[in-house]
């Protein structure tokens, strides 16, 4: 049976969720959804998203989650590219993208409360449970962040029985999900890792708590109230939790918590240490991508002696560090990370097999991340190849600088990118966001950085901004930041 669900004031048993999923699968079949088809979902973290995860599984459909921050052209591209036959969307989000929805896509409106036939609650109530032949369970069809070119849809084949067993072990080690777990998620379901966390929590757990939007103190209160075992957080959430006043942090009973899962963006070593000092040895960091799945896990007992590492291979994962010519590099040398995780089935980029072949070497795939392995097999991820800055012939990895910036007083968020420089080709620029009530001074930040990192890594320019173009899951859209600095230049990075 599916896990019980708690979301806001809603409490729903697993049996109720299963019944709703069966009706939803029946409704999808009547809308023409066949085995292997795609259903698009543009929703915030609302209970209907859980209905869709489970209903699409019964219907044998992929659900393609669309970032609800997207504007018309961004959402329209994915809707056209993924081949969705149906779109489930909230009314205010539809207003933004309506002109880009293909004419053949059927619309189901979630939260309209209109009683219309295409209002989700009215539509679902009118459906009868799916009673056709069993269909092949499928998960999400995630779109990559589009570091190079347009975003690409990752379609994964169903798991074999052998892969299911391997996947269960990887899920336990990387995400802390196991039979009977009580889990909490506040990161947005439109992102791949939270979506996977939700799928596994619903399939294996006793209780799944879905937070509509991350709030630091509310997260602590939910852990206490529901006696949560496992929570999914990302580093920017760690920072906000750590900046709660000590009396608030100590007010809540967090003794039930045994596993904190994190992936998507690397965690600054000082931030991870502070979290372990507070919560104990429960902080786990994983390296993964939509294409490769989970490749490494950094366990808390290794964090102190291997600061900055993303951990060692999880399960039967293989990792190689290659140079541009495809030669394997020795430990300690930075190159492109290639990996394969046998716990996952193969994947394609929907409609773009050439791009799929381009990222593979000898059965291993790379998403363009740079890093190295040490002599014990611990992986260190330096940065995306596209984010690396070459200044005066020196390779600089912005993530290293960001790890220091985020620890400085008054800084709530930050990003470092390469900007044009006539002498060195590229120079460094940082954008920083002030904490509420804090006043930042660019020169003071530069001076403090100069005490902590090499001079050539100190950004020449520091801009104080109101907000970064950052997804709720913690990923900064660096391309948008760079574009503003490189606009009008003949050469682009």
Protein backbone atom coordinates (compact mmCIF):
# COMPACT_ATOMS: atom_id res chain seq x y z
CA UNK A 1 0.00 0.00 0.00
CA UNK A 2 1.09 3.55 -0.71
CA UNK A 3 2.40 5.64 2.20
CA UNK A 4 -0.01 7.88 4.06
CA UNK A 5 0.19 11.54 2.97
CA UNK A 6 0.35 14.73 5.02
CA UNK A 7 0.39 18.08 3.22
CA UNK A 8 -0.60 21.27 5.01
CA UNK A 9 -3.82 20.50 6.85
CA UNK A 10 -4.57 17.49 4.65
CA UNK A 11 -4.15 13.99 6.07
CA UNK A 12 -4.78 11.09 3.68
CA UNK A 13 -4.36 7.36 4.24
CA UNK A 14 -2.45 5.16 1.84
CA UNK A 15 -5.70 3.39 0.91
CA UNK A 16 -7.27 6.73 -0.06
CA UNK A 17 -4.25 7.65 -2.21
CA UNK A 18 -4.39 4.24 -3.91
CA UNK A 19 -8.09 4.65 -4.66
CA UNK A 20 -7.53 8.11 -6.13
CA UNK A 21 -4.61 6.82 -8.21
CA UNK A 22 -6.77 4.02 -9.65
CA UNK A 23 -9.44 6.52 -10.68
CA UNK A 24 -6.82 8.84 -12.13
CA UNK A 25 -5.32 5.99 -14.17
CA UNK A 26 -8.79 5.14 -15.44
CA UNK A 27 -9.37 8.77 -16.39
CA UNK A 28 -6.06 8.94 -18.23
CA UNK A 29 -6.93 5.82 -20.21
CA UNK A 30 -10.22 7.43 -21.22
CA UNK A 31 -8.30 10.51 -22.34
CA UNK A 32 -6.32 8.30 -24.71
CA UNK A 33 -3.17 7.77 -22.62
CA UNK A 34 -1.54 4.49 -23.63
CA UNK A 35 1.38 2.50 -22.25
CA UNK A 36 4.54 4.65 -22.58
CA UNK A 37 2.76 7.95 -23.27
CA UNK A 38 3.62 11.22 -21.55
CA UNK A 39 1.51 13.31 -19.16
CA UNK A 40 2.73 16.86 -18.44
CA UNK A 41 2.50 18.27 -14.90
CA UNK A 42 2.97 21.95 -14.02
CA UNK A 43 2.12 22.12 -10.34
CA UNK A 44 3.55 23.35 -7.10
CA UNK A 45 3.94 20.93 -4.19
CA UNK A 46 0.23 20.14 -3.82
CA UNK A 47 -1.54 16.84 -3.03
CA UNK A 48 -2.69 16.47 -6.64
CA UNK A 49 0.96 15.98 -7.61
CA UNK A 50 1.02 12.83 -5.46
CA UNK A 51 -2.16 11.61 -7.18
CA UNK A 52 -0.42 12.06 -10.52
CA UNK A 53 2.78 10.29 -9.51
CA UNK A 54 0.81 7.24 -8.44
CA UNK A 55 -1.84 7.45 -11.15
CA UNK A 56 0.68 7.72 -13.97
CA UNK A 57 2.49 4.70 -12.55
CA UNK A 58 -0.70 2.61 -12.82
CA UNK A 59 -1.42 4.04 -16.28
CA UNK A 60 2.05 3.11 -17.54
CA UNK A 61 2.74 6.75 -18.40
CA UNK A 62 5.76 8.98 -17.87
CA UNK A 63 4.95 12.17 -16.01
CA UNK A 64 6.92 15.14 -17.31
CA UNK A 65 7.25 17.71 -14.56
CA UNK A 66 7.58 21.32 -15.77
CA UNK A 67 9.24 23.97 -13.62
CA UNK A 68 6.40 26.21 -12.49
CA UNK A 69 8.66 29.25 -12.70
CA UNK A 70 8.86 28.82 -16.48
CA UNK A 71 7.45 31.43 -18.79
CA UNK A 72 5.52 30.82 -22.00
CA UNK A 73 8.38 30.00 -24.35
CA UNK A 74 10.21 27.76 -21.85
CA UNK A 75 7.12 25.71 -20.95
CA UNK A 76 5.91 25.69 -24.55
CA UNK A 77 9.17 24.15 -25.75
CA UNK A 78 8.93 21.27 -23.26
CA UNK A 79 5.23 20.66 -23.96
CA UNK A 80 5.94 20.42 -27.68
CA UNK A 81 9.13 18.39 -27.29
CA UNK A 82 7.91 15.77 -24.79
CA UNK A 83 4.82 14.86 -26.80
CA UNK A 84 2.44 15.14 -23.84
CA UNK A 85 -1.22 14.42 -24.54
CA UNK A 86 -2.52 15.92 -21.29
CA UNK A 87 -1.39 18.82 -19.07
CA UNK A 88 -2.32 19.12 -15.40
CA UNK A 89 -1.76 22.74 -14.37
CA UNK A 90 -2.78 25.29 -11.76
CA UNK A 91 -4.89 28.19 -13.08
CA UNK A 92 -2.45 31.02 -12.36
CA UNK A 93 0.36 29.07 -14.04
CA UNK A 94 -1.82 28.36 -17.07
CA UNK A 95 -2.47 32.08 -17.47
CA UNK A 96 1.26 32.59 -18.03
CA UNK A 97 1.75 29.79 -20.59
CA UNK A 98 -1.68 29.37 -22.21
CA UNK A 99 -0.62 30.76 -25.58
CA UNK A 100 2.14 28.15 -25.85
CA UNK A 101 0.06 25.05 -25.04
CA UNK A 102 -0.25 22.92 -28.22
CA UNK A 103 -3.84 22.70 -29.44
CA UNK A 104 -3.97 18.88 -29.15
CA UNK A 105 -3.05 18.88 -25.42
CA UNK A 106 -6.02 18.28 -23.12
CA UNK A 107 -6.10 20.54 -20.05
CA UNK A 108 -7.02 19.52 -16.51
CA UNK A 109 -7.04 22.48 -14.10
CA UNK A 110 -5.90 21.81 -10.53
CA UNK A 111 -7.30 24.04 -7.80
CA UNK A 112 -9.79 26.00 -9.89
CA UNK A 113 -12.76 25.01 -7.68
CA UNK A 114 -15.01 25.80 -10.61
CA UNK A 115 -16.93 22.54 -10.90
CA UNK A 116 -16.21 22.56 -14.63
CA UNK A 117 -15.65 19.22 -16.33
CA UNK A 118 -11.91 19.88 -16.63
CA UNK A 119 -11.50 20.95 -12.99
CA UNK A 120 -9.28 18.31 -11.39
CA UNK A 121 -11.48 17.46 -8.40
CA UNK A 122 -14.66 17.28 -10.50
CA UNK A 123 -12.90 15.33 -13.23
CA UNK A 124 -11.35 12.82 -10.80
CA UNK A 125 -14.65 12.27 -8.97
CA UNK A 126 -16.28 11.33 -12.28
CA UNK A 127 -13.70 8.66 -13.16
CA UNK A 128 -13.88 4.92 -12.52
CA UNK A 129 -10.79 2.89 -11.55
CA UNK A 130 -8.57 1.56 -14.29
CA UNK A 131 -9.52 -2.05 -15.02
CA UNK A 132 -7.59 -2.82 -18.21
CA UNK A 133 -4.55 -5.02 -18.68
CA UNK A 134 -1.65 -4.25 -16.29
CA UNK A 135 0.69 -1.61 -17.65
CA UNK A 136 4.43 -1.17 -17.17
CA UNK A 137 5.12 1.20 -14.25
CA UNK A 138 7.14 4.24 -15.28
CA UNK A 139 8.47 7.28 -13.45
CA UNK A 140 9.21 10.84 -14.45
CA UNK A 141 10.59 12.22 -17.70
CA UNK A 142 12.94 14.89 -16.42
CA UNK A 143 14.34 17.67 -18.56
CA UNK A 144 17.97 18.54 -18.02
CA UNK A 145 18.98 22.07 -17.07
CA UNK A 146 20.16 22.82 -20.59
CA UNK A 147 23.80 23.66 -19.84
CA UNK A 148 24.49 23.23 -23.54
CA UNK A 149 21.70 23.85 -26.03
CA UNK A 150 18.02 23.36 -25.30
CA UNK A 151 16.94 21.20 -22.34
CA UNK A 152 16.70 17.51 -23.19
CA UNK A 153 14.10 15.05 -21.95
CA UNK A 154 15.52 11.97 -20.23
CA UNK A 155 13.39 8.87 -20.85
CA UNK A 156 14.50 5.82 -18.92
CA UNK A 157 13.52 2.26 -19.82
CA UNK A 158 11.68 0.16 -17.19
CA UNK A 159 13.88 -1.63 -14.65
CA UNK A 160 14.63 -5.31 -14.94
CA UNK A 161 14.05 -7.47 -11.81
CA UNK A 162 17.83 -7.48 -11.17
CA UNK A 163 17.97 -3.69 -11.46
CA UNK A 164 15.03 -3.31 -9.08
CA UNK A 165 17.00 -5.09 -6.36
CA UNK A 166 20.11 -3.01 -7.00
CA UNK A 167 18.04 0.19 -7.15
CA UNK A 168 16.42 -0.49 -3.77
CA UNK A 169 19.85 -0.68 -2.14
CA UNK A 170 21.08 2.49 -3.87
CA UNK A 171 17.89 4.29 -2.84
CA UNK A 172 18.46 3.31 0.78
CA UNK A 173 22.11 4.43 0.79
CA UNK A 174 21.68 7.64 -1.22
CA UNK A 175 18.22 8.85 -0.16
CA UNK A 176 17.57 7.10 3.14
CA UNK A 177 14.36 5.52 1.84
CA UNK A 178 13.47 2.01 3.03
CA UNK A 179 10.31 0.06 3.92
CA UNK A 180 8.34 1.81 6.66
CA UNK A 181 10.26 5.13 6.54
CA UNK A 182 8.62 8.39 7.61
CA UNK A 183 9.94 11.02 5.21
CA UNK A 184 9.66 14.76 4.58
CA UNK A 185 10.15 16.73 1.37
CA UNK A 186 9.98 20.49 0.87
CA UNK A 187 12.06 20.84 -2.31
CA UNK A 188 9.97 21.27 -5.48
CA UNK A 189 8.71 18.15 -7.18
CA UNK A 190 9.48 19.53 -10.62
CA UNK A 191 13.15 18.69 -10.05
CA UNK A 192 14.48 15.20 -10.70
CA UNK A 193 15.93 14.29 -7.28
CA UNK A 194 12.93 15.41 -5.18
CA UNK A 195 10.68 13.63 -7.68
CA UNK A 196 12.66 10.39 -7.19
CA UNK A 197 12.57 10.89 -3.41
CA UNK A 198 8.78 11.25 -3.54
CA UNK A 199 8.29 8.20 -5.77
CA UNK A 200 10.31 5.97 -3.47
CA UNK A 201 8.77 7.42 -0.30
CA UNK A 202 5.28 6.68 -1.59
CA UNK A 203 6.19 3.15 -2.69
CA UNK A 204 8.07 2.13 0.46
CA UNK A 205 7.20 4.47 3.28
CA UNK A 206 4.75 4.58 6.14
CA UNK A 207 4.23 8.35 5.93
CA UNK A 208 5.18 10.93 3.31
CA UNK A 209 5.04 14.57 4.41
CA UNK A 210 5.01 17.08 1.56
CA UNK A 211 5.77 20.69 2.47
CA UNK A 212 4.24 23.13 0.01
CA UNK A 213 7.19 25.50 0.27
CA UNK A 214 10.37 25.37 2.32
CA UNK A 215 10.31 27.33 5.55
CA UNK A 216 13.20 26.73 7.94
CA UNK A 217 11.31 26.74 11.23
CA UNK A 218 8.26 25.00 9.76
CA UNK A 219 10.54 22.18 8.60
CA UNK A 220 11.80 21.66 12.17
CA UNK A 221 8.23 21.67 13.45
CA UNK A 222 7.17 19.03 10.90
CA UNK A 223 10.10 16.78 11.83
CA UNK A 224 9.04 16.92 15.47
CA UNK A 225 5.28 16.58 14.85
CA UNK A 226 5.51 13.59 12.50
CA UNK A 227 8.59 11.92 14.03
CA UNK A 228 10.37 12.08 10.67
CA UNK A 229 13.18 9.59 9.97
CA UNK A 230 14.44 10.96 6.63
CA UNK A 231 14.31 14.46 5.15
CA UNK A 232 15.50 15.73 1.78
CA UNK A 233 17.25 19.10 1.90
CA UNK A 234 19.69 21.02 -0.31
CA UNK A 235 22.63 23.19 0.80
CA UNK A 236 20.81 26.52 0.48
CA UNK A 237 18.25 25.10 2.94
CA UNK A 238 21.07 24.14 5.31
CA UNK A 239 22.22 27.75 5.33
CA UNK A 240 18.74 29.02 6.17
CA UNK A 241 18.33 26.43 8.93
CA UNK A 242 21.69 27.30 10.46
CA UNK A 243 20.80 30.98 10.52
CA UNK A 244 17.77 30.40 12.71
CA UNK A 245 18.34 31.82 16.21
CA UNK A 246 19.80 29.21 18.58
CA UNK A 247 16.72 29.30 20.80
CA UNK A 248 14.51 28.32 17.86
CA UNK A 249 16.82 25.52 16.70
CA UNK A 250 16.96 24.05 20.19
CA UNK A 251 13.19 24.34 20.72
CA UNK A 252 12.28 21.38 18.51
CA UNK A 253 12.80 17.68 19.24
CA UNK A 254 14.66 16.31 16.20
CA UNK A 255 15.76 13.06 17.84
CA UNK A 256 13.77 10.92 15.37
CA UNK A 257 15.88 12.16 12.46
CA UNK A 258 18.36 9.52 11.25
CA UNK A 259 19.06 10.53 7.64
CA UNK A 260 19.31 13.85 5.79
CA UNK A 261 19.62 13.36 2.03
CA UNK A 262 21.06 16.01 -0.26
CA UNK A 263 21.99 16.18 -3.93
CA UNK A 264 21.77 18.63 -6.83
CA UNK A 265 24.46 21.07 -5.76
CA UNK A 266 27.66 20.61 -3.73
CA UNK A 267 27.69 21.60 -0.08
CA UNK A 268 30.35 23.91 1.35
CA UNK A 269 32.47 21.89 3.82
CA UNK A 270 31.97 24.46 6.62
CA UNK A 271 28.20 24.31 6.16
CA UNK A 272 28.17 20.51 6.23
CA UNK A 273 30.33 20.47 9.37
CA UNK A 274 27.97 22.89 11.10
CA UNK A 275 24.99 20.70 10.22
CA UNK A 276 26.71 17.57 11.57
CA UNK A 277 27.73 19.43 14.73
CA UNK A 278 24.06 20.35 15.22
CA UNK A 279 22.16 17.24 14.11
CA UNK A 280 24.81 14.55 14.52
CA UNK A 281 26.10 12.06 11.92
CA UNK A 282 22.98 12.09 9.72
CA UNK A 283 24.04 14.35 6.82
CA UNK A 284 24.50 12.44 3.55
CA UNK A 285 25.55 14.05 0.27
CA UNK A 286 25.10 12.28 -3.07
CA UNK A 287 26.43 12.97 -6.54
CA UNK A 288 23.88 12.21 -9.23
CA UNK A 289 22.28 13.39 -12.46
CA UNK A 290 19.09 12.63 -14.37
CA UNK A 291 21.20 10.73 -16.88
CA UNK A 292 23.40 8.64 -14.60
CA UNK A 293 21.31 8.29 -11.46
CA UNK A 294 23.07 8.14 -8.08
CA UNK A 295 26.82 7.58 -8.45
CA UNK A 296 28.38 8.40 -5.07
CA UNK A 297 27.35 8.94 -1.46
CA UNK A 298 29.36 10.86 1.11
CA UNK A 299 28.62 9.37 4.51
CA UNK A 300 28.78 11.62 7.58
CA UNK A 301 31.50 9.56 9.25
CA UNK A 302 33.88 10.45 6.38
CA UNK A 303 32.98 14.14 6.18
CA UNK A 304 35.61 15.41 8.62
CA UNK A 305 38.57 13.65 7.02
CA UNK A 306 37.41 14.19 3.41
CA UNK A 307 36.01 17.75 3.38
CA UNK A 308 34.61 18.77 0.02
CA UNK A 309 34.26 15.23 -1.30
CA UNK A 310 31.05 13.88 -2.85
CA UNK A 311 31.87 10.45 -1.46
CA UNK A 312 32.63 7.03 -2.88
CA UNK A 313 30.82 4.94 -5.47
CA UNK A 314 27.44 3.69 -4.26
CA UNK A 315 26.30 0.18 -5.14
CA UNK A 316 28.07 -1.11 -8.22
CA UNK A 317 28.70 2.32 -9.78
CA UNK A 318 31.83 2.75 -11.94
CA UNK A 319 33.63 6.11 -12.11
CA UNK A 320 36.48 7.19 -14.39
CA UNK A 321 38.15 10.57 -14.80
CA UNK A 322 39.11 11.18 -18.44
CA UNK A 323 41.02 13.88 -20.28
CA UNK A 324 39.81 15.46 -23.53
CA UNK A 325 41.35 12.62 -25.54
CA UNK A 326 39.51 9.97 -23.49
CA UNK A 327 42.57 8.85 -21.53
CA UNK A 328 42.06 7.88 -17.89
CA UNK A 329 43.75 10.26 -15.47
CA UNK A 330 45.56 9.22 -12.30
CA UNK A 331 44.24 10.05 -8.83
CA UNK A 332 44.39 13.74 -7.96
CA UNK A 333 44.22 15.02 -11.57
CA UNK A 334 41.14 16.95 -12.68
CA UNK A 335 39.27 15.79 -15.75
CA UNK A 336 35.76 15.03 -16.95
CA UNK A 337 33.72 12.68 -14.76
CA UNK A 338 32.31 9.64 -16.54
CA UNK A 339 30.17 7.09 -14.72
CA UNK A 340 27.73 4.20 -14.99
CA UNK A 341 25.27 2.93 -12.38
CA UNK A 342 24.01 -0.64 -13.10
CA UNK A 343 21.08 -0.09 -10.71
CA UNK A 344 19.38 2.00 -13.40
CA UNK A 345 18.16 1.07 -16.85
CA UNK A 346 19.47 2.78 -19.96
CA UNK A 347 18.03 6.11 -21.08
CA UNK A 348 17.55 8.18 -24.20
CA UNK A 349 17.26 11.89 -24.82
CA UNK A 350 13.78 12.13 -26.26
CA UNK A 351 14.07 12.78 -29.99
CA UNK A 352 17.82 13.44 -29.77
CA UNK A 353 19.75 10.21 -29.97
CA UNK A 354 22.82 12.03 -31.34
CA UNK A 355 23.11 14.04 -28.12
CA UNK A 356 22.72 10.82 -26.14
CA UNK A 357 25.60 9.16 -28.02
CA UNK A 358 27.78 12.26 -27.66
CA UNK A 359 27.97 12.00 -23.86
CA UNK A 360 29.05 8.34 -23.77
CA UNK A 361 32.48 6.72 -23.77
CA UNK A 362 32.87 2.95 -23.41
CA UNK A 363 29.56 2.50 -21.63
CA UNK A 364 30.10 5.46 -19.29
CA UNK A 365 28.21 8.77 -19.50
CA UNK A 366 29.16 12.33 -18.55
CA UNK A 367 27.04 15.41 -18.00
CA UNK A 368 30.10 17.68 -18.29
CA UNK A 369 31.12 17.82 -14.65
CA UNK A 370 34.82 18.18 -13.82
CA UNK A 371 36.47 16.48 -10.86
CA UNK A 372 39.03 13.99 -9.59
CA UNK A 373 39.33 10.82 -7.54
CA UNK A 374 41.73 10.59 -4.62
CA UNK A 375 43.78 7.50 -3.82
CA UNK A 376 40.95 6.06 -1.72
CA UNK A 377 38.36 6.43 -4.46
CA UNK A 378 36.62 9.50 -3.03
CA UNK A 379 35.21 11.76 -5.75
CA UNK A 380 35.73 15.51 -5.66
CA UNK A 381 33.48 17.51 -8.00
CA UNK A 382 35.12 20.79 -8.97
CA UNK A 383 32.45 22.32 -11.19
CA UNK A 384 30.63 22.03 -14.46
CA UNK A 385 32.97 22.30 -17.43
CA UNK A 386 30.74 25.10 -18.70
CA UNK A 387 31.11 26.97 -15.39
CA UNK A 388 34.90 26.73 -15.21
CA UNK A 389 36.61 30.08 -15.77
CA UNK A 390 39.94 30.31 -17.62
CA UNK A 391 41.66 33.53 -16.58
CA UNK A 392 45.12 34.18 -17.94
CA UNK A 393 45.43 30.47 -18.77
CA UNK A 394 44.57 29.37 -15.22
CA UNK A 395 41.55 27.12 -14.59
CA UNK A 396 39.34 28.47 -11.79
CA UNK A 397 36.34 26.59 -10.40
CA UNK A 398 33.65 29.01 -9.13
CA UNK A 399 32.13 26.44 -6.76
CA UNK A 400 35.23 26.66 -4.56
CA UNK A 401 34.79 30.42 -4.22
CA UNK A 402 31.05 30.12 -3.63
CA UNK A 403 31.71 27.70 -0.76
CA UNK A 404 33.64 30.46 0.99
CA UNK A 405 31.29 33.31 0.07
CA UNK A 406 28.21 31.62 1.53
CA UNK A 407 29.88 31.39 4.94
CA UNK A 408 30.53 35.14 5.19
CA UNK A 409 28.26 37.10 7.55
CA UNK A 410 25.24 38.70 5.92
CA UNK A 411 25.34 36.70 2.66
CA UNK A 412 22.20 34.65 1.98
CA UNK A 413 22.97 33.49 -1.54
CA UNK A 414 25.77 33.79 -4.09
CA UNK A 415 27.05 32.83 -7.53
CA UNK A 416 30.40 33.31 -9.29
CA UNK A 417 30.76 33.46 -13.08
CA UNK A 418 33.31 34.41 -15.71
CA UNK A 419 33.01 37.84 -17.32
CA UNK A 420 34.92 39.40 -20.25
CA UNK A 421 38.37 40.82 -19.58
CA UNK A 422 40.57 42.35 -22.29
CA UNK A 423 43.83 41.33 -20.65
CA UNK A 424 43.09 37.88 -19.20
CA UNK A 425 40.24 36.79 -21.47
CA UNK A 426 37.99 36.19 -18.48
CA UNK A 427 37.78 37.60 -15.00
CA UNK A 428 35.62 36.62 -12.04
CA UNK A 429 32.41 38.32 -10.97
CA UNK A 430 30.31 37.43 -7.95
CA UNK A 431 26.67 38.20 -7.37
CA UNK A 432 25.64 38.14 -3.72
CA UNK A 433 22.27 38.44 -1.99
CA UNK A 434 22.07 40.00 1.46
CA UNK A 435 20.30 38.38 4.38
CA UNK A 436 17.19 40.22 5.53
CA UNK A 437 18.31 43.26 7.51
CA UNK A 438 21.98 42.93 6.54
CA UNK A 439 24.04 45.53 4.70
CA UNK A 440 26.80 44.27 2.43
CA UNK A 441 29.88 46.12 1.21
CA UNK A 442 31.59 44.78 -1.92
CA UNK A 443 35.11 45.84 -0.92
CA UNK A 444 34.74 44.38 2.55
CA UNK A 445 33.71 41.08 0.96
CA UNK A 446 36.76 41.17 -1.31
CA UNK A 447 39.06 41.82 1.64
CA UNK A 448 37.62 38.94 3.62
CA UNK A 449 37.91 36.59 0.66
CA UNK A 450 41.54 37.64 0.25
CA UNK A 451 42.24 36.29 3.74
CA UNK A 452 40.75 32.90 2.91
CA UNK A 453 41.57 32.07 -0.72
CA UNK A 454 44.35 32.79 -3.22
CA UNK A 455 44.31 36.29 -4.63
CA UNK A 456 43.65 35.18 -8.21
CA UNK A 457 40.42 33.54 -7.03
CA UNK A 458 39.02 36.73 -5.47
CA UNK A 459 36.35 38.11 -7.85
CA UNK A 460 37.36 41.38 -9.44
CA UNK A 461 33.75 42.48 -9.40
CA UNK A 462 31.15 41.89 -6.68
CA UNK A 463 27.59 42.93 -7.37
CA UNK A 464 24.97 43.01 -4.64
CA UNK A 465 21.63 41.90 -6.09
CA UNK A 466 18.12 41.37 -4.77
CA UNK A 467 17.92 37.74 -5.89
CA UNK A 468 19.64 35.17 -8.09
CA UNK A 469 17.90 33.30 -10.88
CA UNK A 470 17.88 30.21 -8.69
CA UNK A 471 15.44 27.30 -8.77
CA UNK A 472 13.79 26.39 -5.49
CA UNK A 473 15.86 23.20 -5.55
CA UNK A 474 19.03 25.24 -5.14
CA UNK A 475 20.44 25.35 -8.67
CA UNK A 476 21.54 28.72 -10.00
CA UNK A 477 20.83 29.43 -13.65
CA UNK A 478 24.33 30.69 -14.35
CA UNK A 479 23.75 31.07 -18.05
CA UNK A 480 21.29 33.89 -17.34
CA UNK A 481 23.81 35.61 -15.06
CA UNK A 482 26.63 35.30 -17.59
CA UNK A 483 24.48 36.55 -20.46
CA UNK A 484 24.05 39.92 -18.77
CA UNK A 485 27.83 40.44 -18.56
CA UNK A 486 28.61 39.11 -22.04
CA UNK A 487 25.82 40.91 -23.89
CA UNK A 488 27.18 42.63 -26.98
CA UNK A 489 30.55 40.91 -26.87
CA UNK A 490 31.86 39.17 -29.99
CA UNK A 491 33.28 36.27 -27.98
CA UNK A 492 31.13 34.27 -25.60
CA UNK A 493 32.04 31.62 -23.04
